[in-house]
Amino acid sequence: MTSFLMFLWALTGGGVATWLMMHIWLPDPPPNLAVRYLGILIAGIVGGILGGYLVHGSQATMDPLPAMVGAAGAGLILSGAVAFLGAARRTAAG
């Protein structure tokens, strides 16, 4: 049961990370998109697993919905941090 929940948390975190990447970079993706995409996707998956595990372990019931919300929130926070900290800086010349 725990491995299935971890898979759901990873899927939720990765999905939220992909949504964040599409929201930030569309319609003009950066030139090295594959490297940035993998970093954000891995951060979202790790954040989803950590968020789901922390929320699921802190509650006494077996309801999976709060842990899914925790996975989505932690995945969004961690992947957002990686996306914004890894963004290329633009100079005044272009």
PDB file of N, CA and C in Angstrom:
ATOM      1  N   MET A   1       0.829  -1.196   0.000  1.00  0.00           N
ATOM      2  CA  MET A   1       0.000   0.000   0.000  1.00  0.00           C
ATOM      3  C   MET A   1       0.872   1.258   0.000  1.00  0.00           C
ATOM      4  N   THR A   2       1.966   1.223   0.742  1.00  0.00           N
ATOM      5  CA  THR A   2       2.801   2.421   0.813  1.00  0.00           C
ATOM      6  C   THR A   2       3.498   2.699  -0.509  1.00  0.00           C
ATOM      7  N   SER A   3       3.902   1.673  -1.230  1.00  0.00           N
ATOM      8  CA  SER A   3       4.564   1.912  -2.510  1.00  0.00           C
ATOM      9  C   SER A   3       3.587   2.494  -3.524  1.00  0.00           C
ATOM     10  N   PHE A   4       2.316   2.075  -3.460  1.00  0.00           N
ATOM     11  CA  PHE A   4       1.311   2.649  -4.344  1.00  0.00           C
ATOM     12  C   PHE A   4       1.075   4.122  -4.008  1.00  0.00           C
ATOM     13  N   LEU A   5       1.026   4.452  -2.729  1.00  0.00           N
ATOM     14  CA  LEU A   5       0.860   5.851  -2.331  1.00  0.00           C
ATOM     15  C   LEU A   5       2.070   6.688  -2.738  1.00  0.00           C
ATOM     16  N   MET A   6       3.260   6.134  -2.594  1.00  0.00           N
ATOM     17  CA  MET A   6       4.460   6.870  -3.011  1.00  0.00           C
ATOM     18  C   MET A   6       4.444   7.115  -4.513  1.00  0.00           C
ATOM     19  N   PHE A   7       3.964   6.139  -5.286  1.00  0.00           N
ATOM     20  CA  PHE A   7       3.835   6.316  -6.727  1.00  0.00           C
ATOM     21  C   PHE A   7       2.830   7.429  -7.039  1.00  0.00           C
ATOM     22  N   LEU A   8       1.710   7.463  -6.341  1.00  0.00           N
ATOM     23  CA  LEU A   8       0.720   8.522  -6.553  1.00  0.00           C
ATOM     24  C   LEU A   8       1.269   9.894  -6.168  1.00  0.00           C
ATOM     25  N   TRP A   9       2.017   9.944  -5.077  1.00  0.00           N
ATOM     26  CA  TRP A   9       2.608  11.216  -4.661  1.00  0.00           C
ATOM     27  C   TRP A   9       3.629  11.693  -5.680  1.00  0.00           C
ATOM     28  N   ALA A  10       4.450  10.774  -6.188  1.00  0.00           N
ATOM     29  CA  ALA A  10       5.450  11.133  -7.202  1.00  0.00           C
ATOM     30  C   ALA A  10       4.766  11.592  -8.484  1.00  0.00           C
ATOM     31  N   LEU A  11       3.701  10.918  -8.874  1.00  0.00           N
ATOM     32  CA  LEU A  11       2.959  11.294 -10.066  1.00  0.00           C
ATOM     33  C   LEU A  11       2.307  12.663  -9.900  1.00  0.00           C
ATOM     34  N   THR A  12       1.768  12.926  -8.731  1.00  0.00           N
ATOM     35  CA  THR A  12       1.155  14.235  -8.473  1.00  0.00           C
ATOM     36  C   THR A  12       2.210  15.331  -8.479  1.00  0.00           C
ATOM     37  N   GLY A  13       3.318  15.127  -7.794  1.00  0.00           N
ATOM     38  CA  GLY A  13       4.382  16.132  -7.777  1.00  0.00           C
ATOM     39  C   GLY A  13       4.972  16.375  -9.152  1.00  0.00           C
ATOM     40  N   GLY A  14       5.176  15.316  -9.924  1.00  0.00           N
ATOM     41  CA  GLY A  14       5.693  15.459 -11.279  1.00  0.00           C
ATOM     42  C   GLY A  14       4.714  16.157 -12.199  1.00  0.00           C
ATOM     43  N   GLY A  15       3.433  15.875 -12.035  1.00  0.00           N
ATOM     44  CA  GLY A  15       2.419  16.552 -12.842  1.00  0.00           C
ATOM     45  C   GLY A  15       2.330  18.030 -12.549  1.00  0.00           C
ATOM     46  N   VAL A  16       2.403  18.380 -11.287  1.00  0.00           N
ATOM     47  CA  VAL A  16       2.378  19.794 -10.918  1.00  0.00           C
ATOM     48  C   VAL A  16       3.637  20.496 -11.422  1.00  0.00           C
ATOM     49  N   ALA A  17       4.770  19.816 -11.371  1.00  0.00           N
ATOM     50  CA  ALA A  17       6.019  20.395 -11.878  1.00  0.00           C
ATOM     51  C   ALA A  17       5.941  20.621 -13.387  1.00  0.00           C
ATOM     52  N   THR A  18       5.340  19.688 -14.106  1.00  0.00           N
ATOM     53  CA  THR A  18       5.183  19.853 -15.549  1.00  0.00           C
ATOM     54  C   THR A  18       4.243  21.004 -15.861  1.00  0.00           C
ATOM     55  N   TRP A  19       3.169  21.138 -15.102  1.00  0.00           N
ATOM     56  CA  TRP A  19       2.257  22.268 -15.288  1.00  0.00           C
ATOM     57  C   TRP A  19       2.990  23.582 -15.054  1.00  0.00           C
ATOM     58  N   LEU A  20       3.805  23.643 -14.015  1.00  0.00           N
ATOM     59  CA  LEU A  20       4.556  24.867 -13.726  1.00  0.00           C
ATOM     60  C   LEU A  20       5.502  25.202 -14.863  1.00  0.00           C
ATOM     61  N   MET A  21       6.185  24.194 -15.397  1.00  0.00           N
ATOM     62  CA  MET A  21       7.112  24.446 -16.499  1.00  0.00           C
ATOM     63  C   MET A  21       6.374  24.969 -17.725  1.00  0.00           C
ATOM     64  N   MET A  22       5.244  24.384 -18.050  1.00  0.00           N
ATOM     65  CA  MET A  22       4.470  24.841 -19.205  1.00  0.00           C
ATOM     66  C   MET A  22       3.924  26.247 -18.980  1.00  0.00           C
ATOM     67  N   HIS A  23       3.523  26.533 -17.767  1.00  0.00           N
ATOM     68  CA  HIS A  23       2.976  27.853 -17.449  1.00  0.00           C
ATOM     69  C   HIS A  23       4.043  28.943 -17.558  1.00  0.00           C
ATOM     70  N   ILE A  24       5.267  28.644 -17.168  1.00  0.00           N
ATOM     71  CA  ILE A  24       6.339  29.639 -17.190  1.00  0.00           C
ATOM     72  C   ILE A  24       6.887  29.823 -18.601  1.00  0.00           C
ATOM     73  N   TRP A  25       7.133  28.745 -19.328  1.00  0.00           N
ATOM     74  CA  TRP A  25       7.919  28.829 -20.555  1.00  0.00           C
ATOM     75  C   TRP A  25       7.136  28.860 -21.853  1.00  0.00           C
ATOM     76  N   LEU A  26       5.847  28.598 -21.836  1.00  0.00           N
ATOM     77  CA  LEU A  26       5.113  28.669 -23.092  1.00  0.00           C
ATOM     78  C   LEU A  26       4.754  30.105 -23.386  1.00  0.00           C
ATOM     79  N   PRO A  27       4.739  30.568 -24.552  1.00  0.00           N
ATOM     80  CA  PRO A  27       4.926  29.896 -25.831  1.00  0.00           C
ATOM     81  C   PRO A  27       6.368  29.903 -26.317  1.00  0.00           C
ATOM     82  N   ASP A  28       7.314  30.434 -25.546  1.00  0.00           N
ATOM     83  CA  ASP A  28       8.694  30.539 -26.010  1.00  0.00           C
ATOM     84  C   ASP A  28       9.621  29.787 -25.057  1.00  0.00           C
ATOM     85  N   PRO A  29       9.869  28.475 -25.287  1.00  0.00           N
ATOM     86  CA  PRO A  29      10.726  27.713 -24.378  1.00  0.00           C
ATOM     87  C   PRO A  29      12.187  28.111 -24.514  1.00  0.00           C
ATOM     88  N   PRO A  30      12.966  27.951 -23.446  1.00  0.00           N
ATOM     89  CA  PRO A  30      14.398  28.269 -23.513  1.00  0.00           C
ATOM     90  C   PRO A  30      15.141  27.268 -24.406  1.00  0.00           C
ATOM     91  N   PRO A  31      16.353  27.628 -24.856  1.00  0.00           N
ATOM     92  CA  PRO A  31      17.074  26.730 -25.769  1.00  0.00           C
ATOM     93  C   PRO A  31      17.502  25.406 -25.139  1.00  0.00           C
ATOM     94  N   ASN A  32      17.872  25.389 -23.885  1.00  0.00           N
ATOM     95  CA  ASN A  32      18.312  24.138 -23.240  1.00  0.00           C
ATOM     96  C   ASN A  32      17.187  23.590 -22.365  1.00  0.00           C
ATOM     97  N   LEU A  33      16.056  23.345 -22.986  1.00  0.00           N
ATOM     98  CA  LEU A  33      14.852  22.940 -22.263  1.00  0.00           C
ATOM     99  C   LEU A  33      14.983  21.560 -21.620  1.00  0.00           C
ATOM    100  N   ALA A  34      15.668  20.636 -22.254  1.00  0.00           N
ATOM    101  CA  ALA A  34      15.741  19.266 -21.729  1.00  0.00           C
ATOM    102  C   ALA A  34      16.416  19.217 -20.362  1.00  0.00           C
ATOM    103  N   VAL A  35      17.487  19.957 -20.189  1.00  0.00           N
ATOM    104  CA  VAL A  35      18.202  19.954 -18.906  1.00  0.00           C
ATOM    105  C   VAL A  35      17.340  20.601 -17.825  1.00  0.00           C
ATOM    106  N   ARG A  36      16.734  21.711 -18.143  1.00  0.00           N
ATOM    107  CA  ARG A  36      15.875  22.382 -17.159  1.00  0.00           C
ATOM    108  C   ARG A  36      14.635  21.555 -16.845  1.00  0.00           C
ATOM    109  N   TYR A  37      14.052  20.946 -17.869  1.00  0.00           N
ATOM    110  CA  TYR A  37      12.856  20.140 -17.659  1.00  0.00           C
ATOM    111  C   TYR A  37      13.139  18.974 -16.722  1.00  0.00           C
ATOM    112  N   LEU A  38      14.256  18.276 -16.934  1.00  0.00           N
ATOM    113  CA  LEU A  38      14.583  17.146 -16.067  1.00  0.00           C
ATOM    114  C   LEU A  38      14.823  17.585 -14.628  1.00  0.00           C
ATOM    115  N   GLY A  39      15.494  18.712 -14.446  1.00  0.00           N
ATOM    116  CA  GLY A  39      15.720  19.211 -13.092  1.00  0.00           C
ATOM    117  C   GLY A  39      14.427  19.555 -12.379  1.00  0.00           C
ATOM    118  N   ILE A  40      13.526  20.222 -13.085  1.00  0.00           N
ATOM    119  CA  ILE A  40      12.245  20.596 -12.482  1.00  0.00           C
ATOM    120  C   ILE A  40      11.380  19.365 -12.248  1.00  0.00           C
ATOM    121  N   LEU A  41      11.405  18.421 -13.174  1.00  0.00           N
ATOM    122  CA  LEU A  41      10.613  17.204 -13.009  1.00  0.00           C
ATOM    123  C   LEU A  41      11.100  16.381 -11.821  1.00  0.00           C
ATOM    124  N   ILE A  42      12.404  16.240 -11.672  1.00  0.00           N
ATOM    125  CA  ILE A  42      12.950  15.495 -10.533  1.00  0.00           C
ATOM    126  C   ILE A  42      12.634  16.209  -9.216  1.00  0.00           C
ATOM    127  N   ALA A  43      12.727  17.536  -9.210  1.00  0.00           N
ATOM    128  CA  ALA A  43      12.383  18.287  -8.003  1.00  0.00           C
ATOM    129  C   ALA A  43      10.905  18.120  -7.656  1.00  0.00           C
ATOM    130  N   GLY A  44      10.034  18.107  -8.665  1.00  0.00           N
ATOM    131  CA  GLY A  44       8.611  17.901  -8.410  1.00  0.00           C
ATOM    132  C   GLY A  44       8.308  16.511  -7.871  1.00  0.00           C
ATOM    133  N   ILE A  45       8.981  15.499  -8.406  1.00  0.00           N
ATOM    134  CA  ILE A  45       8.767  14.133  -7.929  1.00  0.00           C
ATOM    135  C   ILE A  45       9.248  13.979  -6.490  1.00  0.00           C
ATOM    136  N   VAL A  46      10.432  14.498  -6.204  1.00  0.00           N
ATOM    137  CA  VAL A  46      10.963  14.424  -4.830  1.00  0.00           C
ATOM    138  C   VAL A  46      10.083  15.217  -3.871  1.00  0.00           C
ATOM    139  N   GLY A  47       9.660  16.406  -4.284  1.00  0.00           N
ATOM    140  CA  GLY A  47       8.772  17.205  -3.441  1.00  0.00           C
ATOM    141  C   GLY A  47       7.437  16.531  -3.209  1.00  0.00           C
ATOM    142  N   GLY A  48       6.902  15.873  -4.239  1.00  0.00           N
ATOM    143  CA  GLY A  48       5.641  15.160  -4.081  1.00  0.00           C
ATOM    144  C   GLY A  48       5.743  14.015  -3.097  1.00  0.00           C
ATOM    145  N   ILE A  49       6.821  13.263  -3.185  1.00  0.00           N
ATOM    146  CA  ILE A  49       7.001  12.136  -2.252  1.00  0.00           C
ATOM    147  C   ILE A  49       7.192  12.656  -0.829  1.00  0.00           C
ATOM    148  N   LEU A  50       8.012  13.686  -0.665  1.00  0.00           N
ATOM    149  CA  LEU A  50       8.237  14.227   0.686  1.00  0.00           C
ATOM    150  C   LEU A  50       6.970  14.842   1.275  1.00  0.00           C
ATOM    151  N   GLY A  51       6.256  15.619   0.472  1.00  0.00           N
ATOM    152  CA  GLY A  51       5.032  16.247   0.967  1.00  0.00           C
ATOM    153  C   GLY A  51       3.967  15.234   1.322  1.00  0.00           C
ATOM    154  N   GLY A  52       3.775  14.241   0.467  1.00  0.00           N
ATOM    155  CA  GLY A  52       2.792  13.204   0.765  1.00  0.00           C
ATOM    156  C   GLY A  52       3.165  12.390   1.988  1.00  0.00           C
ATOM    157  N   TYR A  53       4.435  12.079   2.122  1.00  0.00           N
ATOM    158  CA  TYR A  53       4.887  11.296   3.277  1.00  0.00           C
ATOM    159  C   TYR A  53       4.715  12.074   4.578  1.00  0.00           C
ATOM    160  N   LEU A  54       5.063  13.347   4.557  1.00  0.00           N
ATOM    161  CA  LEU A  54       4.941  14.151   5.774  1.00  0.00           C
ATOM    162  C   LEU A  54       3.492  14.335   6.196  1.00  0.00           C
ATOM    163  N   VAL A  55       2.616  14.622   5.231  1.00  0.00           N
ATOM    164  CA  VAL A  55       1.207  14.824   5.575  1.00  0.00           C
ATOM    165  C   VAL A  55       0.543  13.505   5.959  1.00  0.00           C
ATOM    166  N   HIS A  56       0.842  12.442   5.252  1.00  0.00           N
ATOM    167  CA  HIS A  56       0.232  11.150   5.538  1.00  0.00           C
ATOM    168  C   HIS A  56       0.677  10.620   6.896  1.00  0.00           C
ATOM    169  N   GLY A  57       1.925  10.859   7.253  1.00  0.00           N
ATOM    170  CA  GLY A  57       2.419  10.379   8.541  1.00  0.00           C
ATOM    171  C   GLY A  57       1.920  11.180   9.719  1.00  0.00           C
ATOM    172  N   SER A  58       1.462  12.404   9.479  1.00  0.00           N
ATOM    173  CA  SER A  58       1.032  13.246  10.592  1.00  0.00           C
ATOM    174  C   SER A  58      -0.447  13.116  10.909  1.00  0.00           C
ATOM    175  N   GLN A  59      -1.198  12.365  10.121  1.00  0.00           N
ATOM    176  CA  GLN A  59      -2.631  12.231  10.390  1.00  0.00           C
ATOM    177  C   GLN A  59      -2.954  10.823  10.873  1.00  0.00           C
ATOM    178  N   ALA A  60      -4.010  10.727  11.658  1.00  0.00           N
ATOM    179  CA  ALA A  60      -4.379   9.437  12.239  1.00  0.00           C
ATOM    180  C   ALA A  60      -5.308   8.641  11.326  1.00  0.00           C
ATOM    181  N   THR A  61      -5.967   9.275  10.370  1.00  0.00           N
ATOM    182  CA  THR A  61      -6.898   8.562   9.493  1.00  0.00           C
ATOM    183  C   THR A  61      -6.162   8.009   8.280  1.00  0.00           C
ATOM    184  N   MET A  62      -6.833   7.165   7.535  1.00  0.00           N
ATOM    185  CA  MET A  62      -6.256   6.571   6.343  1.00  0.00           C
ATOM    186  C   MET A  62      -6.756   7.260   5.072  1.00  0.00           C
ATOM    187  N   ASP A  63      -7.326   8.440   5.185  1.00  0.00           N
ATOM    188  CA  ASP A  63      -7.829   9.179   4.031  1.00  0.00           C
ATOM    189  C   ASP A  63      -6.647   9.681   3.195  1.00  0.00           C
ATOM    190  N   PRO A  64      -6.550   9.307   1.908  1.00  0.00           N
ATOM    191  CA  PRO A  64      -5.383   9.700   1.112  1.00  0.00           C
ATOM    192  C   PRO A  64      -5.459  11.115   0.537  1.00  0.00           C
ATOM    193  N   LEU A  65      -6.618  11.769   0.595  1.00  0.00           N
ATOM    194  CA  LEU A  65      -6.759  13.078  -0.043  1.00  0.00           C
ATOM    195  C   LEU A  65      -5.863  14.157   0.574  1.00  0.00           C
ATOM    196  N   PRO A  66      -5.766  14.302   1.897  1.00  0.00           N
ATOM    197  CA  PRO A  66      -4.848  15.323   2.421  1.00  0.00           C
ATOM    198  C   PRO A  66      -3.394  15.090   2.018  1.00  0.00           C
ATOM    199  N   ALA A  67      -2.989  13.833   1.925  1.00  0.00           N
ATOM    200  CA  ALA A  67      -1.618  13.548   1.506  1.00  0.00           C
ATOM    201  C   ALA A  67      -1.410  13.910   0.041  1.00  0.00           C
ATOM    202  N   MET A  68      -2.434  13.739  -0.803  1.00  0.00           N
ATOM    203  CA  MET A  68      -2.323  14.133  -2.211  1.00  0.00           C
ATOM    204  C   MET A  68      -2.207  15.641  -2.333  1.00  0.00           C
ATOM    205  N   VAL A  69      -2.949  16.371  -1.523  1.00  0.00           N
ATOM    206  CA  VAL A  69      -2.844  17.832  -1.528  1.00  0.00           C
ATOM    207  C   VAL A  69      -1.469  18.256  -1.025  1.00  0.00           C
ATOM    208  N   GLY A  70      -0.962  17.585  -0.007  1.00  0.00           N
ATOM    209  CA  GLY A  70       0.389  17.861   0.480  1.00  0.00           C
ATOM    210  C   GLY A  70       1.446  17.559  -0.562  1.00  0.00           C
ATOM    211  N   ALA A  71       1.241  16.479  -1.315  1.00  0.00           N
ATOM    212  CA  ALA A  71       2.186  16.128  -2.378  1.00  0.00           C
ATOM    213  C   ALA A  71       2.177  17.178  -3.475  1.00  0.00           C
ATOM    214  N   ALA A  72       0.989  17.642  -3.846  1.00  0.00           N
ATOM    215  CA  ALA A  72       0.898  18.674  -4.885  1.00  0.00           C
ATOM    216  C   ALA A  72       1.525  19.982  -4.416  1.00  0.00           C
ATOM    217  N   GLY A  73       1.274  20.353  -3.174  1.00  0.00           N
ATOM    218  CA  GLY A  73       1.840  21.594  -2.651  1.00  0.00           C
ATOM    219  C   GLY A  73       3.353  21.552  -2.536  1.00  0.00           C
ATOM    220  N   ALA A  74       3.872  20.472  -1.992  1.00  0.00           N
ATOM    221  CA  ALA A  74       5.323  20.363  -1.846  1.00  0.00           C
ATOM    222  C   ALA A  74       6.002  20.227  -3.200  1.00  0.00           C
ATOM    223  N   GLY A  75       5.385  19.517  -4.129  1.00  0.00           N
ATOM    224  CA  GLY A  75       5.945  19.411  -5.475  1.00  0.00           C
ATOM    225  C   GLY A  75       5.988  20.749  -6.171  1.00  0.00           C
ATOM    226  N   LEU A  76       4.925  21.541  -5.991  1.00  0.00           N
ATOM    227  CA  LEU A  76       4.885  22.875  -6.592  1.00  0.00           C
ATOM    228  C   LEU A  76       5.923  23.798  -5.974  1.00  0.00           C
ATOM    229  N   ILE A  77       6.075  23.752  -4.682  1.00  0.00           N
ATOM    230  CA  ILE A  77       7.050  24.621  -4.009  1.00  0.00           C
ATOM    231  C   ILE A  77       8.473  24.260  -4.416  1.00  0.00           C
ATOM    232  N   LEU A  78       8.805  22.980  -4.388  1.00  0.00           N
ATOM    233  CA  LEU A  78      10.178  22.580  -4.708  1.00  0.00           C
ATOM    234  C   LEU A  78      10.500  22.774  -6.191  1.00  0.00           C
ATOM    235  N   SER A  79       9.574  22.417  -7.072  1.00  0.00           N
ATOM    236  CA  SER A  79       9.842  22.607  -8.496  1.00  0.00           C
ATOM    237  C   SER A  79       9.835  24.081  -8.870  1.00  0.00           C
ATOM    238  N   GLY A  80       9.012  24.875  -8.203  1.00  0.00           N
ATOM    239  CA  GLY A  80       9.034  26.322  -8.439  1.00  0.00           C
ATOM    240  C   GLY A  80      10.345  26.949  -8.008  1.00  0.00           C
ATOM    241  N   ALA A  81      10.871  26.487  -6.886  1.00  0.00           N
ATOM    242  CA  ALA A  81      12.162  27.005  -6.435  1.00  0.00           C
ATOM    243  C   ALA A  81      13.268  26.652  -7.412  1.00  0.00           C
ATOM    244  N   VAL A  82      13.256  25.426  -7.922  1.00  0.00           N
ATOM    245  CA  VAL A  82      14.273  25.027  -8.897  1.00  0.00           C
ATOM    246  C   VAL A  82      14.105  25.808 -10.194  1.00  0.00           C
ATOM    247  N   ALA A  83      12.856  26.029 -10.609  1.00  0.00           N
ATOM    248  CA  ALA A  83      12.613  26.760 -11.860  1.00  0.00           C
ATOM    249  C   ALA A  83      13.074  28.208 -11.756  1.00  0.00           C
ATOM    250  N   PHE A  84      12.768  28.857 -10.652  1.00  0.00           N
ATOM    251  CA  PHE A  84      13.127  30.264 -10.528  1.00  0.00           C
ATOM    252  C   PHE A  84      14.593  30.478 -10.199  1.00  0.00           C
ATOM    253  N   LEU A  85      15.193  29.578  -9.433  1.00  0.00           N
ATOM    254  CA  LEU A  85      16.615  29.714  -9.128  1.00  0.00           C
ATOM    255  C   LEU A  85      17.496  29.305 -10.306  1.00  0.00           C
ATOM    256  N   GLY A  86      17.006  28.450 -11.176  1.00  0.00           N
ATOM    257  CA  GLY A  86      17.773  27.998 -12.314  1.00  0.00           C
ATOM    258  C   GLY A  86      17.515  28.801 -13.579  1.00  0.00           C
ATOM    259  N   ALA A  87      16.743  29.862 -13.479  1.00  0.00           N
ATOM    260  CA  ALA A  87      16.423  30.654 -14.666  1.00  0.00           C
ATOM    261  C   ALA A  87      17.646  31.431 -15.143  1.00  0.00           C
ATOM    262  N   ALA A  88      17.740  31.578 -16.445  1.00  0.00           N
ATOM    263  CA  ALA A  88      18.855  32.326 -17.020  1.00  0.00           C
ATOM    264  C   ALA A  88      18.646  33.814 -16.782  1.00  0.00           C
ATOM    265  N   ARG A  89      19.704  34.489 -16.458  1.00  0.00           N
ATOM    266  CA  ARG A  89      19.621  35.919 -16.208  1.00  0.00           C
ATOM    267  C   ARG A  89      19.813  36.665 -17.525  1.00  0.00           C
ATOM    268  N   ARG A  90      18.994  37.658 -17.735  1.00  0.00           N
ATOM    269  CA  ARG A  90      19.118  38.458 -18.950  1.00  0.00           C
ATOM    270  C   ARG A  90      19.926  39.710 -18.665  1.00  0.00           C
ATOM    271  N   THR A  91      20.729  40.082 -19.622  1.00  0.00           N
ATOM    272  CA  THR A  91      21.515  41.301 -19.478  1.00  0.00           C
ATOM    273  C   THR A  91      20.789  42.446 -20.151  1.00  0.00           C
ATOM    274  N   ALA A  92      21.294  43.653 -19.973  1.00  0.00           N
ATOM    275  CA  ALA A  92      20.663  44.814 -20.588  1.00  0.00           C
ATOM    276  C   ALA A  92      20.818  44.802 -22.114  1.00  0.00           C
ATOM    277  N   ALA A  93      21.843  44.093 -22.599  1.00  0.00           N
ATOM    278  CA  ALA A  93      22.079  44.047 -24.039  1.00  0.00           C
ATOM    279  C   ALA A  93      21.135  43.052 -24.727  1.00  0.00           C
ATOM    280  N   GLY A  94      20.484  42.205 -23.992  1.00  0.00           N
ATOM    281  CA  GLY A  94      19.547  41.295 -24.656  1.00  0.00           C
ATOM    282  C   GLY A  94      19.640  39.952 -24.095  1.00  0.00           C
TER     283      GLY A  94
END
